[in-house]
Amino acid sequence: MVIFAALLWLIAGQQSDTCEVIQTTISGNSMQGILWNGQKISVYTPPCGRPRRYDHMLFEHETRPNALVKQIWGMPGDMIRVTKKGRILINNDIEAKTPFGRPYVLVGYSKKRLRRLEGKPLEGYILLGHPGSEDSAQLGLITVDMVLGYVKRDQPYVETDQQKE
């Protein structure tokens, strides 16, 4: 997902120890069902507080040219387990879901990648979108230093024209 305002914020080097809110617009559909292409969001920088499970996180990854937004499922300190059928369980009782509420199912190498995290507390975040999108299944654990900010889940979302159709 391309997040233009976040990139401008990074390029300008405005990272600081004070709480800032980045106003940006979603570009892409990898979170469709929760966040929509064209939707305006407010991203709170890390000094604004700690994100909670199910919030959305804006992060950068060395293999991607643009910042991405995904939903938080696993948090630092959580334990994960990947079932034989490829489902992700957080702390043995929270099953990771897609933005449409279906179980998130890992296949192939993504299943092996996340299985390596079993049996020890997470040292970062498991961030997920739709299966096949650029999320923790493809990119692995998202560490704290990759985090640009988060979108509070209880924040009202702006309805776009696409959602009205």
Protein backbone atom coordinates (compact mmCIF):
# COMPACT_ATOMS: atom_id res chain seq x y z
CA MET A 1 0.00 0.00 0.00
CA VAL A 2 1.44 3.32 -0.98
CA ILE A 3 1.16 5.96 1.70
CA PHE A 4 2.26 9.27 0.18
CA ALA A 5 2.02 11.53 3.25
CA ALA A 6 4.04 9.08 5.32
CA LEU A 7 6.81 9.07 2.73
CA LEU A 8 6.88 12.86 2.66
CA TRP A 9 7.09 12.84 6.46
CA LEU A 10 10.05 10.45 6.32
CA ILE A 11 11.84 12.36 3.58
CA ALA A 12 11.45 15.61 5.48
CA GLY A 13 13.08 13.93 8.48
CA GLN A 14 10.41 15.09 10.89
CA GLN A 15 10.84 12.17 13.24
CA SER A 16 10.95 13.45 16.80
CA ASP A 17 10.19 12.51 20.37
CA THR A 18 6.93 14.45 20.35
CA CYS A 19 3.56 13.01 19.47
CA GLU A 20 2.59 13.81 15.90
CA VAL A 21 -0.39 12.85 13.77
CA ILE A 22 0.17 12.14 10.08
CA GLN A 23 -2.88 12.66 7.86
CA THR A 24 -2.65 10.35 4.85
CA THR A 25 -4.72 8.45 2.32
CA ILE A 26 -4.80 4.71 1.69
CA SER A 27 -3.67 3.70 -1.79
CA GLY A 28 -4.39 0.06 -2.63
CA ASN A 29 -6.79 -2.66 -1.56
CA SER A 30 -4.77 -5.09 0.57
CA MET A 31 -6.84 -4.14 3.63
CA GLN A 32 -10.17 -3.96 1.79
CA GLY A 33 -12.93 -4.86 4.18
CA ILE A 34 -11.44 -2.67 6.94
CA LEU A 35 -9.53 0.11 5.16
CA TRP A 36 -10.40 1.23 1.64
CA ASN A 37 -8.51 2.66 -1.31
CA GLY A 38 -8.89 6.44 -1.08
CA GLN A 39 -9.79 6.42 2.62
CA LYS A 40 -8.27 9.17 4.75
CA ILE A 41 -6.61 8.01 7.97
CA SER A 42 -4.79 9.59 10.91
CA VAL A 43 -1.55 7.85 11.85
CA TYR A 44 -0.19 8.47 15.36
CA THR A 45 3.61 8.39 15.68
CA PRO A 46 5.17 6.10 18.32
CA PRO A 47 5.58 8.87 20.95
CA CYS A 48 1.75 9.17 20.99
CA GLY A 49 1.40 5.93 22.95
CA ARG A 50 1.35 2.20 22.45
CA PRO A 51 -0.77 0.50 19.80
CA ARG A 52 -3.24 -2.22 20.76
CA ARG A 53 -4.07 -5.50 19.09
CA TYR A 54 -6.33 -4.94 16.04
CA ASP A 55 -5.12 -1.35 15.52
CA HIS A 56 -3.56 -0.74 12.12
CA MET A 57 0.14 -0.07 11.86
CA LEU A 58 2.06 2.00 9.32
CA PHE A 59 5.53 0.55 8.80
CA GLU A 60 8.44 0.50 6.42
CA HIS A 61 10.35 -2.54 5.23
CA GLU A 62 13.73 -2.59 3.51
CA THR A 63 12.35 -4.65 0.60
CA ARG A 64 9.46 -2.26 -0.17
CA PRO A 65 9.74 1.21 -1.70
CA ASN A 66 6.68 2.55 0.12
CA ALA A 67 5.21 2.39 3.60
CA LEU A 68 2.52 -0.24 4.27
CA VAL A 69 -0.51 -0.43 6.56
CA LYS A 70 -1.63 -3.76 8.07
CA GLN A 71 -3.63 -4.90 11.08
CA ILE A 72 -1.86 -5.87 14.32
CA TRP A 73 -2.45 -9.49 15.35
CA GLY A 74 0.69 -10.46 17.26
CA MET A 75 2.36 -8.05 19.68
CA PRO A 76 5.77 -8.08 21.36
CA GLY A 77 5.73 -10.74 24.08
CA ASP A 78 2.92 -12.79 22.49
CA MET A 79 3.41 -16.45 21.57
CA ILE A 80 2.21 -17.78 18.22
CA ARG A 81 1.43 -21.22 16.90
CA VAL A 82 0.82 -22.25 13.29
CA THR A 83 -1.57 -25.19 12.97
CA LYS A 84 -1.10 -28.06 10.51
CA LYS A 85 -3.76 -26.41 8.32
CA GLY A 86 -1.79 -23.13 8.29
CA ARG A 87 -3.96 -21.11 10.66
CA ILE A 88 -2.26 -18.67 13.02
CA LEU A 89 -3.08 -18.75 16.73
CA ILE A 90 -1.91 -15.95 19.00
CA ASN A 91 -1.45 -16.93 22.67
CA ASN A 92 -3.32 -20.19 21.83
CA ASP A 93 -6.76 -18.58 21.70
CA ILE A 94 -6.82 -15.70 19.20
CA GLU A 95 -7.13 -16.90 15.61
CA ALA A 96 -5.79 -14.42 13.05
CA LYS A 97 -8.40 -13.39 10.47
CA THR A 98 -8.44 -11.62 7.11
CA PRO A 99 -10.04 -8.16 6.84
CA PHE A 100 -13.25 -9.95 5.79
CA GLY A 101 -13.29 -11.98 9.01
CA ARG A 102 -12.23 -15.33 7.51
CA PRO A 103 -9.37 -17.36 9.05
CA TYR A 104 -5.99 -16.28 7.72
CA VAL A 105 -4.39 -19.40 6.22
CA LEU A 106 -0.67 -19.64 5.52
CA VAL A 107 0.67 -21.76 2.66
CA GLY A 108 4.12 -22.69 1.37
CA TYR A 109 7.11 -20.71 2.54
CA SER A 110 5.00 -18.23 4.56
CA LYS A 111 3.91 -21.14 6.76
CA LYS A 112 7.56 -22.10 7.38
CA ARG A 113 8.56 -18.46 7.97
CA LEU A 114 6.05 -17.96 10.79
CA ARG A 115 6.59 -21.43 12.25
CA ARG A 116 10.14 -20.32 13.07
CA LEU A 117 8.64 -17.88 15.57
CA GLU A 118 6.85 -20.59 17.57
CA GLY A 119 7.89 -21.36 21.13
CA LYS A 120 9.37 -18.00 22.05
CA PRO A 121 7.90 -14.57 22.81
CA LEU A 122 7.61 -12.32 19.77
CA GLU A 123 10.21 -9.56 19.51
CA GLY A 124 8.06 -7.49 17.17
CA TYR A 125 4.65 -7.48 15.50
CA ILE A 126 2.69 -9.90 13.33
CA LEU A 127 0.87 -7.60 10.90
CA LEU A 128 -1.62 -9.09 8.47
CA GLY A 129 -3.81 -8.03 5.55
CA HIS A 130 -5.32 -10.32 2.94
CA PRO A 131 -3.39 -13.56 2.27
CA GLY A 132 -0.89 -12.89 -0.50
CA SER A 133 -0.48 -9.21 0.37
CA GLU A 134 2.80 -7.78 1.63
CA ASP A 135 2.41 -8.56 5.32
CA SER A 136 4.16 -10.66 7.99
CA ALA A 137 3.44 -13.86 6.05
CA GLN A 138 5.73 -12.54 3.29
CA LEU A 139 7.94 -10.08 5.17
CA GLY A 140 8.27 -11.83 8.54
CA LEU A 141 8.21 -10.19 11.94
CA ILE A 142 7.89 -6.39 11.88
CA THR A 143 10.31 -5.00 14.45
CA VAL A 144 9.73 -1.85 16.50
CA ASP A 145 12.33 0.11 14.49
CA MET A 146 10.24 -0.40 11.30
CA VAL A 147 7.14 1.19 12.85
CA LEU A 148 6.19 4.67 11.65
CA GLY A 149 2.93 4.89 13.58
CA TYR A 150 -0.48 3.37 14.12
CA VAL A 151 -4.13 4.01 13.36
CA LYS A 152 -6.33 3.68 16.41
CA ARG A 153 -9.02 1.10 15.74
CA ASP A 154 -11.68 3.03 17.64
CA GLN A 155 -11.12 6.02 15.34
CA PRO A 156 -14.15 6.49 13.08
CA TYR A 157 -13.37 5.63 9.49
CA VAL A 158 -14.24 7.97 6.68
CA GLU A 159 -16.67 6.45 4.19
CA THR A 160 -15.41 6.79 0.63
CA ASP A 161 -17.41 6.93 -2.59
CA GLN A 162 -16.21 3.38 -3.36
CA GLN A 163 -17.83 2.10 -0.16
CA LYS A 164 -21.14 3.79 -1.00
CA GLU A 165 -21.42 2.00 -4.38
